[in-house]
Amino acid sequence: MSVQFMIIVAYFALTVGIGVYAKKKSTSSDAFHGAKLGVLMCVAAGTGEWLGGTSTTGVSEYGYAFGLSGAWYTISNGIGVMVLALLFAKLYRSLETVTVPGIVEKFIGVRARVVASVLLTFVMIVVGTSQIIAAGTLGVSVLGLNFNVSVIVLGIGFIIYTLAGGMTAVGYTNMLHLVAMYGGVILALFLVGGDIGGLAALQTALPANPYFSWFGIGTPKVTSWIIASILGACTAQAGIQPILAARDVKVAKTAAVLTAFAVAPFGILTALLGMAAKVRFPELANAKLALPTLMMNLQPVAGGIVLASIMAAILSTVSPIILASGTMFTKDIYHRILKPNATDKEVLFMSRFSTGISGVLCIVLSVFMYGSTRILDMVYFAYTLRGSLFVILLLAIYWKGTSSKGAVWAMVATGFIGFFWVAYKAVVGQFPIHPELNETYAAVIVAFITTILFSLMFKDGNERTGNNLSA
């Protein structure tokens, strides 16, 4: 049994233990979903949405192939969260709901809330599946475990501590994960930098273009990330739920600003690690192995600590995602539509049950999707849905002509176009119409146009509810 293996197992056990400990503070449905959170808890829980497996192994892959410009992934997320903080955190928190579909209902109506809940739950399941695949892949490539065994063991751990403590568990464990992630990556940079001769060695060994260009990965890719992040940040249930659960409006806004600053710089560090891997291992067959390979060639204890930080990034994302899925089903469908008179005990049971089912579904999909590039297509499609949903919500907030029926049909049309765009690229190899008109741009355009057209067609379908409904 390797030192790296023992360190990762110990870290995972610590995470589960903290989550189970948090159970004593989740005795009501409100506490389980999050209520009266302070700034630190909001920031810790919120960062999990943005600093996952992609921000570590994914950005280091971009760093290996393209250099510093790969950091735009987390910088874009930080920009998106800052837009949320400055323009929408106050409004969202004032609506007294814990779900994004609940916000949708305030401006568009009940039917739109249900459709939005279904779409956003799909987004959460897809993203959760991709993170569990990342965890399983780490177990295979670094620890030599069977993928299915790795996914099942880790997945059950995710579910146990999330079910035990709900939002409190997410906040407590993500405080640990945030420290581990930044601490591990900074430690890795210090050690690897000493081995290769520091930043000067990187500049000597790697060409300035693309590695030291902030747009080496391509301007269309960077702008697409920024647009998708701004749109997605304002409808990301896992990232917004802690803000909606903040103690008050001031806490919500402050926490969102601090979350943006916590998220943005992380990718710079992991992109630099990818660049260091390019110097040390220039002939890697797969750039996805850049960070794991680099870590396995460090001194065992140090490598184990850094690998634990990668695990921390994945853990910090999976837990809030399955919690968000359970919250939306419980609050938007079960409690709002199926059983509005349910007792708090019944709501808490359904919250835990639906959260657990979300986790199991992610595990099952991970087993079936392992090794398939289709999971990436699904993730792109999911993010497209989330971003386009915000366009529809934005119109509903600022254009009084938006109707409930028009918005619902716009969601359906946008979902169809987004799916078609991603599927077409997967089959043909390029996007329809124009190579740079990707799914993000297509979905945003279609969402904007169809919301206006369908709202004009179905004017009498308006079900605006104001701000007087309970969440």
Protein backbone atom coordinates (compact mmCIF):
# COMPACT_ATOMS: atom_id res chain seq x y z
CA MET A 1 0.00 0.00 0.00
CA SER A 2 1.57 3.28 -1.14
CA VAL A 3 1.97 6.40 0.98
CA GLN A 4 -0.13 8.35 -1.51
CA PHE A 5 -2.94 5.83 -1.17
CA MET A 6 -2.94 6.02 2.62
CA ILE A 7 -2.98 9.84 2.63
CA ILE A 8 -5.93 9.98 0.23
CA VAL A 9 -7.86 7.37 2.19
CA ALA A 10 -7.19 9.25 5.44
CA TYR A 11 -8.37 12.50 3.90
CA PHE A 12 -11.53 10.91 2.54
CA ALA A 13 -12.29 9.33 5.92
CA LEU A 14 -11.80 12.72 7.61
CA THR A 15 -14.25 14.29 5.16
CA VAL A 16 -16.92 11.65 5.83
CA GLY A 17 -16.38 12.01 9.57
CA ILE A 18 -16.87 15.78 9.46
CA GLY A 19 -20.02 15.37 7.38
CA VAL A 20 -21.51 12.84 9.78
CA TYR A 21 -20.62 15.11 12.72
CA ALA A 22 -22.66 17.87 11.09
CA LYS A 23 -25.81 15.73 11.32
CA LYS A 24 -26.70 17.10 14.74
CA LYS A 25 -27.24 20.53 13.14
CA SER A 26 -29.53 19.24 10.37
CA THR A 27 -32.63 18.27 12.30
CA SER A 28 -35.10 20.27 10.19
CA SER A 29 -35.70 20.60 6.46
CA ASP A 30 -34.68 24.27 6.54
CA ALA A 31 -31.39 23.40 8.22
CA PHE A 32 -30.80 20.57 5.74
CA HIS A 33 -31.23 22.87 2.73
CA GLY A 34 -29.45 25.76 4.44
CA ALA A 35 -30.74 28.57 6.63
CA LYS A 36 -29.25 31.67 8.26
CA LEU A 37 -25.73 30.91 7.05
CA GLY A 38 -22.88 33.28 7.87
CA VAL A 39 -20.34 34.60 5.38
CA LEU A 40 -17.75 31.86 5.92
CA MET A 41 -20.27 29.03 5.48
CA CYS A 42 -21.71 30.66 2.34
CA VAL A 43 -18.26 31.07 0.78
CA ALA A 44 -17.15 27.54 1.66
CA ALA A 45 -20.33 25.94 0.33
CA GLY A 46 -20.46 28.16 -2.76
CA THR A 47 -16.91 27.55 -3.96
CA GLY A 48 -17.68 23.87 -4.41
CA GLU A 49 -19.71 24.61 -7.53
CA TRP A 50 -16.76 26.32 -9.20
CA LEU A 51 -13.61 24.56 -7.96
CA GLY A 52 -14.06 20.93 -8.93
CA GLY A 53 -12.12 18.33 -10.85
CA THR A 54 -12.00 20.52 -13.96
CA SER A 55 -10.28 23.34 -12.07
CA THR A 56 -7.46 20.95 -11.09
CA THR A 57 -6.83 18.13 -13.58
CA GLY A 58 -8.79 19.90 -16.35
CA VAL A 59 -7.01 23.25 -16.14
CA SER A 60 -3.62 21.54 -15.74
CA GLU A 61 -4.45 19.70 -18.98
CA TYR A 62 -5.08 23.07 -20.64
CA GLY A 63 -1.87 24.37 -19.10
CA TYR A 64 0.07 21.41 -20.50
CA ALA A 65 -1.32 22.01 -24.00
CA PHE A 66 -1.82 25.80 -24.13
CA GLY A 67 -0.18 27.43 -21.12
CA LEU A 68 -1.47 30.23 -18.91
CA SER A 69 -4.60 30.84 -20.97
CA GLY A 70 -6.08 27.65 -19.51
CA ALA A 71 -6.52 29.66 -16.31
CA TRP A 72 -9.39 31.52 -17.94
CA TYR A 73 -11.60 28.61 -16.89
CA THR A 74 -11.59 29.66 -13.23
CA ILE A 75 -11.08 33.36 -13.97
CA SER A 76 -14.27 33.23 -16.04
CA ASN A 77 -16.09 31.51 -13.20
CA GLY A 78 -14.88 34.24 -10.86
CA ILE A 79 -16.18 36.90 -13.24
CA GLY A 80 -19.54 35.14 -13.40
CA VAL A 81 -19.83 34.95 -9.62
CA MET A 82 -18.86 38.64 -9.33
CA VAL A 83 -21.69 39.56 -11.71
CA LEU A 84 -24.02 37.50 -9.52
CA ALA A 85 -22.69 39.29 -6.43
CA LEU A 86 -23.01 42.82 -7.74
CA LEU A 87 -26.21 42.59 -9.76
CA PHE A 88 -28.39 39.75 -8.51
CA ALA A 89 -27.40 38.49 -5.03
CA LYS A 90 -29.48 41.14 -3.27
CA LEU A 91 -32.54 40.49 -5.44
CA TYR A 92 -32.30 36.71 -5.21
CA ARG A 93 -31.87 36.65 -1.42
CA SER A 94 -34.81 39.03 -0.94
CA LEU A 95 -37.20 36.58 -2.63
CA GLU A 96 -37.11 34.16 0.34
CA THR A 97 -36.62 30.93 -1.60
CA VAL A 98 -33.85 28.32 -1.57
CA THR A 99 -33.99 27.27 -5.22
CA VAL A 100 -33.37 28.91 -8.58
CA PRO A 101 -36.66 27.50 -9.93
CA GLY A 102 -38.30 29.19 -6.94
CA ILE A 103 -36.89 32.47 -8.25
CA VAL A 104 -38.24 31.60 -11.69
CA GLU A 105 -41.73 31.18 -10.25
CA LYS A 106 -41.65 34.63 -8.69
CA PHE A 107 -41.28 36.19 -12.14
CA ILE A 108 -42.80 33.70 -14.59
CA GLY A 109 -45.11 31.25 -12.83
CA VAL A 110 -45.54 27.75 -11.44
CA ARG A 111 -45.28 25.87 -14.74
CA ALA A 112 -42.00 27.60 -15.53
CA ARG A 113 -40.76 26.66 -12.05
CA VAL A 114 -41.45 22.99 -12.66
CA VAL A 115 -39.81 22.97 -16.09
CA ALA A 116 -36.80 24.90 -14.77
CA SER A 117 -36.50 22.44 -11.89
CA VAL A 118 -36.43 19.47 -14.27
CA LEU A 119 -33.84 21.12 -16.52
CA LEU A 120 -31.58 22.25 -13.69
CA THR A 121 -31.80 18.88 -11.94
CA PHE A 122 -30.62 17.31 -15.21
CA VAL A 123 -27.72 19.79 -15.23
CA MET A 124 -26.76 18.85 -11.67
CA ILE A 125 -26.90 15.10 -12.36
CA VAL A 126 -24.73 15.43 -15.47
CA VAL A 127 -22.13 17.60 -13.73
CA GLY A 128 -22.17 15.31 -10.69
CA THR A 129 -21.60 12.31 -12.95
CA SER A 130 -18.60 13.98 -14.58
CA GLN A 131 -17.09 14.70 -11.15
CA ILE A 132 -17.56 11.12 -9.94
CA ILE A 133 -15.95 9.89 -13.16
CA ALA A 134 -13.03 12.20 -12.37
CA ALA A 135 -12.80 10.70 -8.87
CA GLY A 136 -12.92 7.17 -10.29
CA THR A 137 -10.30 8.00 -12.90
CA LEU A 138 -8.02 9.32 -10.16
CA GLY A 139 -8.41 6.01 -8.39
CA VAL A 140 -7.47 4.13 -11.56
CA SER A 141 -4.56 6.26 -12.81
CA VAL A 142 -2.96 7.07 -9.47
CA LEU A 143 -3.96 4.38 -7.00
CA GLY A 144 -4.34 1.42 -9.35
CA LEU A 145 -7.92 0.66 -8.28
CA ASN A 146 -10.66 -0.85 -10.41
CA PHE A 147 -12.81 1.98 -11.76
CA ASN A 148 -16.15 0.53 -10.66
CA VAL A 149 -14.84 -0.18 -7.16
CA SER A 150 -13.37 3.31 -6.92
CA VAL A 151 -16.59 4.98 -8.06
CA ILE A 152 -18.87 2.94 -5.80
CA VAL A 153 -16.74 3.38 -2.66
CA LEU A 154 -16.18 7.09 -3.20
CA GLY A 155 -19.76 7.65 -4.31
CA ILE A 156 -21.19 6.00 -1.22
CA GLY A 157 -18.92 8.20 0.89
CA PHE A 158 -20.21 11.32 -0.90
CA ILE A 159 -23.79 10.26 -0.25
CA ILE A 160 -23.28 9.35 3.41
CA TYR A 161 -21.85 12.63 4.56
CA THR A 162 -24.19 14.74 2.41
CA LEU A 163 -27.27 12.93 3.68
CA ALA A 164 -26.04 13.19 7.24
CA GLY A 165 -25.40 16.92 7.43
CA GLY A 166 -26.97 18.57 4.40
CA MET A 167 -25.83 22.14 3.84
CA THR A 168 -23.99 22.20 7.17
CA ALA A 169 -21.93 19.20 6.06
CA VAL A 170 -21.23 20.85 2.71
CA GLY A 171 -20.06 24.03 4.44
CA TYR A 172 -17.89 22.29 7.04
CA THR A 173 -16.24 19.89 4.61
CA ASN A 174 -15.71 22.55 1.96
CA MET A 175 -13.82 24.70 4.46
CA LEU A 176 -11.41 21.78 4.77
CA HIS A 177 -11.36 21.23 1.00
CA LEU A 178 -10.63 24.88 0.20
CA VAL A 179 -7.63 24.92 2.53
CA ALA A 180 -6.44 21.57 1.16
CA MET A 181 -6.81 22.67 -2.47
CA TYR A 182 -4.90 25.93 -2.18
CA GLY A 183 -2.37 24.46 0.25
CA GLY A 184 -1.74 21.40 -1.90
CA VAL A 185 -1.36 23.32 -5.16
CA ILE A 186 0.97 25.92 -3.62
CA LEU A 187 3.06 23.12 -2.09
CA ALA A 188 3.24 21.39 -5.47
CA LEU A 189 4.34 24.61 -7.21
CA PHE A 190 7.05 25.14 -4.61
CA LEU A 191 8.41 21.59 -4.96
CA VAL A 192 8.10 21.29 -8.73
CA GLY A 193 9.46 24.80 -9.22
CA GLY A 194 12.57 23.80 -7.29
CA ASP A 195 13.02 20.73 -9.50
CA ILE A 196 12.76 22.53 -12.83
CA GLY A 197 14.47 25.80 -11.89
CA GLY A 198 11.48 28.06 -11.29
CA LEU A 199 9.56 30.41 -13.58
CA ALA A 200 12.71 31.33 -15.51
CA ALA A 201 13.10 27.69 -16.54
CA LEU A 202 9.52 27.60 -17.76
CA GLN A 203 10.07 30.71 -19.86
CA THR A 204 13.23 29.20 -21.34
CA ALA A 205 11.80 25.75 -22.05
CA LEU A 206 8.39 26.72 -23.42
CA PRO A 207 7.56 28.96 -26.40
CA ALA A 208 6.07 32.34 -25.50
CA ASN A 209 3.17 31.63 -27.85
CA PRO A 210 0.95 29.92 -26.79
CA TYR A 211 2.30 29.17 -23.32
CA PHE A 212 2.71 32.72 -22.01
CA SER A 213 -0.09 34.31 -24.01
CA TRP A 214 -3.33 34.96 -22.15
CA PHE A 215 -5.23 34.03 -25.31
CA GLY A 216 -3.11 31.09 -26.43
CA ILE A 217 -6.06 28.74 -26.10
CA GLY A 218 -7.97 30.91 -28.59
CA THR A 219 -10.07 34.05 -28.20
CA PRO A 220 -13.34 32.24 -29.10
CA LYS A 221 -12.74 29.73 -26.33
CA VAL A 222 -11.99 32.46 -23.77
CA THR A 223 -15.00 34.59 -24.68
CA SER A 224 -17.23 31.50 -24.71
CA TRP A 225 -16.06 30.61 -21.19
CA ILE A 226 -16.72 34.14 -19.95
CA ILE A 227 -20.22 34.32 -21.45
CA ALA A 228 -21.12 30.83 -20.25
CA SER A 229 -19.80 31.60 -16.77
CA ILE A 230 -21.71 34.86 -16.42
CA LEU A 231 -24.94 33.24 -17.59
CA GLY A 232 -24.37 30.03 -15.67
CA ALA A 233 -23.37 31.66 -12.38
CA CYS A 234 -26.75 33.34 -12.14
CA THR A 235 -28.70 30.07 -12.45
CA ALA A 236 -26.30 27.55 -10.84
CA GLN A 237 -28.35 25.99 -8.05
CA ALA A 238 -25.37 24.50 -6.19
CA GLY A 239 -23.53 27.83 -6.23
CA ILE A 240 -26.56 30.01 -5.52
CA GLN A 241 -28.19 27.87 -2.81
CA PRO A 242 -25.77 29.03 -0.07
CA ILE A 243 -26.46 32.65 -1.05
CA LEU A 244 -30.21 32.06 -0.87
CA ALA A 245 -29.64 30.49 2.57
CA ALA A 246 -27.56 33.42 3.84
CA ARG A 247 -28.50 35.09 7.11
CA ASP A 248 -29.53 38.28 5.33
CA VAL A 249 -29.06 40.23 2.10
CA LYS A 250 -25.79 41.83 3.24
CA VAL A 251 -24.26 38.45 4.06
CA ALA A 252 -25.41 37.07 0.69
CA LYS A 253 -23.76 39.86 -1.28
CA THR A 254 -20.53 39.84 0.75
CA ALA A 255 -20.24 36.07 0.49
CA ALA A 256 -20.74 36.14 -3.28
CA VAL A 257 -17.98 38.74 -3.71
CA LEU A 258 -15.55 36.73 -1.56
CA THR A 259 -16.45 33.54 -3.44
CA ALA A 260 -15.49 35.22 -6.72
CA PHE A 261 -12.08 36.17 -5.30
CA ALA A 262 -11.57 32.63 -3.94
CA VAL A 263 -12.38 31.02 -7.28
CA ALA A 264 -10.69 33.21 -9.92
CA PRO A 265 -6.93 32.78 -9.14
CA PHE A 266 -6.98 29.03 -8.57
CA GLY A 267 -6.69 28.18 -12.26
CA ILE A 268 -3.49 30.22 -12.61
CA LEU A 269 -1.81 27.89 -10.12
CA THR A 270 -3.03 24.68 -11.76
CA ALA A 271 -2.22 25.97 -15.26
CA LEU A 272 1.35 26.61 -14.07
CA LEU A 273 1.50 23.02 -12.81
CA GLY A 274 0.41 21.82 -16.24
CA MET A 275 3.17 23.90 -17.80
CA ALA A 276 5.69 22.42 -15.36
CA ALA A 277 4.51 18.95 -16.36
CA LYS A 278 5.14 19.89 -20.00
CA VAL A 279 8.73 20.71 -19.12
CA ARG A 280 9.32 17.55 -17.09
CA PHE A 281 7.30 15.12 -19.23
CA PRO A 282 7.10 16.63 -22.73
CA GLU A 283 5.97 13.42 -24.44
CA LEU A 284 2.91 12.44 -22.42
CA ALA A 285 0.48 10.51 -24.61
CA ASN A 286 -2.49 12.19 -22.92
CA ALA A 287 -2.45 15.72 -21.49
CA LYS A 288 -5.13 14.64 -19.00
CA LEU A 289 -2.39 12.77 -17.15
CA ALA A 290 -0.25 15.89 -16.68
CA LEU A 291 -1.11 16.61 -13.06
CA PRO A 292 -1.38 13.00 -11.78
CA THR A 293 1.94 12.12 -13.44
CA LEU A 294 3.61 15.17 -11.95
CA MET A 295 2.31 14.34 -8.47
CA MET A 296 3.28 10.68 -8.59
CA ASN A 297 6.86 11.73 -9.31
CA LEU A 298 7.10 13.96 -6.24
CA GLN A 299 8.40 12.76 -2.89
CA PRO A 300 5.66 10.30 -1.72
CA VAL A 301 4.33 12.27 1.27
CA ALA A 302 4.25 15.55 -0.64
CA GLY A 303 2.72 13.84 -3.67
CA GLY A 304 0.06 12.24 -1.48
CA ILE A 305 -0.83 15.59 0.06
CA VAL A 306 -1.22 17.20 -3.35
CA LEU A 307 -3.22 14.27 -4.68
CA ALA A 308 -5.47 14.65 -1.65
CA SER A 309 -5.99 18.27 -2.70
CA ILE A 310 -7.18 17.03 -6.10
CA MET A 311 -9.55 14.69 -4.33
CA ALA A 312 -10.67 17.67 -2.22
CA ALA A 313 -11.61 19.58 -5.37
CA ILE A 314 -13.80 16.72 -6.55
CA LEU A 315 -15.36 16.18 -3.13
CA SER A 316 -16.11 19.89 -2.80
CA THR A 317 -18.20 19.78 -5.98
CA VAL A 318 -20.04 16.46 -5.78
CA SER A 319 -21.62 17.04 -2.38
CA PRO A 320 -23.27 20.42 -3.10
CA ILE A 321 -24.40 19.15 -6.49
CA ILE A 322 -26.34 16.16 -5.20
CA LEU A 323 -27.69 18.32 -2.37
CA ALA A 324 -28.87 20.88 -4.95
CA SER A 325 -30.60 18.14 -6.95
CA GLY A 326 -32.43 16.87 -3.88
CA THR A 327 -33.36 20.38 -2.81
CA MET A 328 -34.91 21.26 -6.17
CA PHE A 329 -36.94 18.07 -6.39
CA THR A 330 -38.16 18.44 -2.81
CA LYS A 331 -38.94 22.16 -2.80
CA ASP A 332 -40.01 22.70 -6.41
CA ILE A 333 -41.91 19.52 -7.18
CA TYR A 334 -42.69 17.51 -4.01
CA HIS A 335 -43.52 20.35 -1.60
CA ARG A 336 -44.76 22.86 -4.19
CA ILE A 337 -46.85 20.55 -6.42
CA LEU A 338 -47.23 16.98 -5.13
CA LYS A 339 -47.70 17.51 -1.39
CA PRO A 340 -47.91 21.19 -0.43
CA ASN A 341 -49.23 20.32 3.06
CA ALA A 342 -46.35 17.98 3.93
CA THR A 343 -45.02 18.23 7.49
CA ASP A 344 -41.45 19.32 8.14
CA LYS A 345 -40.56 15.73 9.03
CA GLU A 346 -41.92 14.53 5.67
CA VAL A 347 -40.05 17.27 3.80
CA LEU A 348 -36.80 16.39 5.59
CA PHE A 349 -37.26 12.72 4.73
CA MET A 350 -37.94 13.52 1.09
CA SER A 351 -34.93 15.85 1.02
CA ARG A 352 -32.62 13.10 2.20
CA PHE A 353 -34.26 10.49 -0.02
CA SER A 354 -34.08 12.57 -3.21
CA THR A 355 -30.51 13.67 -2.42
CA GLY A 356 -29.51 10.03 -1.97
CA ILE A 357 -31.23 9.02 -5.22
CA SER A 358 -29.36 11.82 -7.01
CA GLY A 359 -26.07 10.45 -5.72
CA VAL A 360 -26.92 6.88 -6.71
CA LEU A 361 -27.94 8.02 -10.18
CA CYS A 362 -24.59 9.81 -10.60
CA ILE A 363 -22.76 6.62 -9.57
CA VAL A 364 -24.73 4.43 -12.00
CA LEU A 365 -24.24 6.87 -14.88
CA SER A 366 -20.52 7.08 -14.05
CA VAL A 367 -20.14 3.33 -14.43
CA PHE A 368 -21.93 3.34 -17.80
CA MET A 369 -20.24 6.49 -19.14
CA TYR A 370 -16.65 5.67 -18.15
CA GLY A 371 -14.29 6.00 -21.09
CA SER A 372 -16.90 7.68 -23.27
CA THR A 373 -16.38 11.17 -24.65
CA ARG A 374 -20.16 11.54 -24.63
CA ILE A 375 -20.02 12.65 -21.00
CA LEU A 376 -18.24 15.81 -22.16
CA ASP A 377 -20.95 16.40 -24.75
CA MET A 378 -23.55 16.00 -22.01
CA VAL A 379 -21.72 18.47 -19.76
CA TYR A 380 -21.53 21.05 -22.56
CA PHE A 381 -25.23 20.55 -23.21
CA ALA A 382 -26.01 20.89 -19.50
CA TYR A 383 -24.11 24.15 -19.19
CA THR A 384 -25.87 25.40 -22.31
CA LEU A 385 -29.25 24.75 -20.68
CA ARG A 386 -28.24 26.54 -17.51
CA GLY A 387 -26.94 29.61 -19.30
CA SER A 388 -29.91 29.93 -21.64
CA LEU A 389 -32.30 29.60 -18.71
CA PHE A 390 -30.80 32.76 -17.23
CA VAL A 391 -31.48 34.65 -20.48
CA ILE A 392 -35.16 33.72 -20.14
CA LEU A 393 -35.20 34.68 -16.46
CA LEU A 394 -33.47 37.98 -17.24
CA LEU A 395 -36.15 38.85 -19.77
CA ALA A 396 -38.83 37.94 -17.26
CA ILE A 397 -37.27 40.26 -14.65
CA TYR A 398 -36.88 43.26 -16.94
CA TRP A 399 -39.53 42.79 -19.65
CA LYS A 400 -43.12 42.71 -18.41
CA GLY A 401 -44.28 41.16 -21.66
CA THR A 402 -42.75 37.79 -20.75
CA SER A 403 -45.51 35.22 -20.31
CA SER A 404 -45.40 31.97 -18.40
CA LYS A 405 -46.41 29.85 -21.39
CA GLY A 406 -44.01 31.71 -23.67
CA ALA A 407 -41.15 31.16 -21.23
CA VAL A 408 -41.90 27.46 -20.91
CA TRP A 409 -41.92 26.98 -24.68
CA ALA A 410 -38.71 29.00 -24.93
CA MET A 411 -37.07 26.62 -22.43
CA VAL A 412 -38.16 23.64 -24.52
CA ALA A 413 -36.98 25.21 -27.79
CA THR A 414 -33.64 26.22 -26.31
CA GLY A 415 -33.11 22.75 -24.89
CA PHE A 416 -33.77 21.21 -28.30
CA ILE A 417 -31.38 23.59 -30.08
CA GLY A 418 -28.67 23.09 -27.47
CA PHE A 419 -28.94 19.32 -27.78
CA PHE A 420 -28.89 19.52 -31.58
CA TRP A 421 -25.82 21.78 -31.56
CA VAL A 422 -23.81 19.48 -29.30
CA ALA A 423 -24.97 16.31 -31.08
CA TYR A 424 -24.15 17.78 -34.49
CA LYS A 425 -20.63 18.65 -33.33
CA ALA A 426 -20.18 15.14 -31.91
CA VAL A 427 -21.20 13.48 -35.19
CA VAL A 428 -19.89 15.87 -37.85
CA GLY A 429 -16.89 17.34 -36.05
CA GLN A 430 -17.90 21.00 -36.23
CA PHE A 431 -20.83 23.20 -35.29
CA PRO A 432 -23.66 23.93 -37.73
CA ILE A 433 -23.73 27.26 -39.60
CA HIS A 434 -20.28 28.48 -38.47
CA PRO A 435 -17.34 26.70 -36.74
CA GLU A 436 -17.10 29.37 -34.03
CA LEU A 437 -20.85 29.61 -33.35
CA ASN A 438 -20.75 27.10 -30.50
CA GLU A 439 -23.59 25.78 -28.33
CA THR A 440 -23.33 28.68 -25.86
CA TYR A 441 -23.86 31.37 -28.50
CA ALA A 442 -26.58 29.36 -30.26
CA ALA A 443 -28.52 28.73 -27.06
CA VAL A 444 -28.32 32.35 -25.91
CA ILE A 445 -29.58 33.64 -29.26
CA VAL A 446 -32.41 31.10 -29.42
CA ALA A 447 -33.42 31.73 -25.80
CA PHE A 448 -33.65 35.46 -26.39
CA ILE A 449 -35.58 35.23 -29.65
CA THR A 450 -37.99 32.44 -28.66
CA THR A 451 -38.86 34.03 -25.32
CA ILE A 452 -39.95 37.20 -27.09
CA LEU A 453 -41.77 35.41 -29.91
CA PHE A 454 -43.61 32.87 -27.75
CA SER A 455 -44.51 35.51 -25.16
CA LEU A 456 -46.08 37.63 -27.91
CA MET A 457 -47.94 34.55 -29.18
CA PHE A 458 -49.17 33.47 -25.72
CA LYS A 459 -49.83 36.75 -23.96
CA ASP A 460 -52.67 35.41 -21.85
CA GLY A 461 -50.46 32.68 -20.36
CA ASN A 462 -48.85 35.05 -17.88
CA GLU A 463 -48.77 33.70 -14.33
CA ARG A 464 -46.52 36.20 -12.60
CA THR A 465 -46.82 35.60 -8.89
CA GLY A 466 -45.02 38.61 -7.46
CA ASN A 467 -43.03 38.10 -4.31
CA ASN A 468 -45.79 36.84 -2.06
CA LEU A 469 -45.46 33.09 -2.44
CA SER A 470 -43.74 30.94 0.13
CA ALA A 471 -40.64 29.10 -0.97
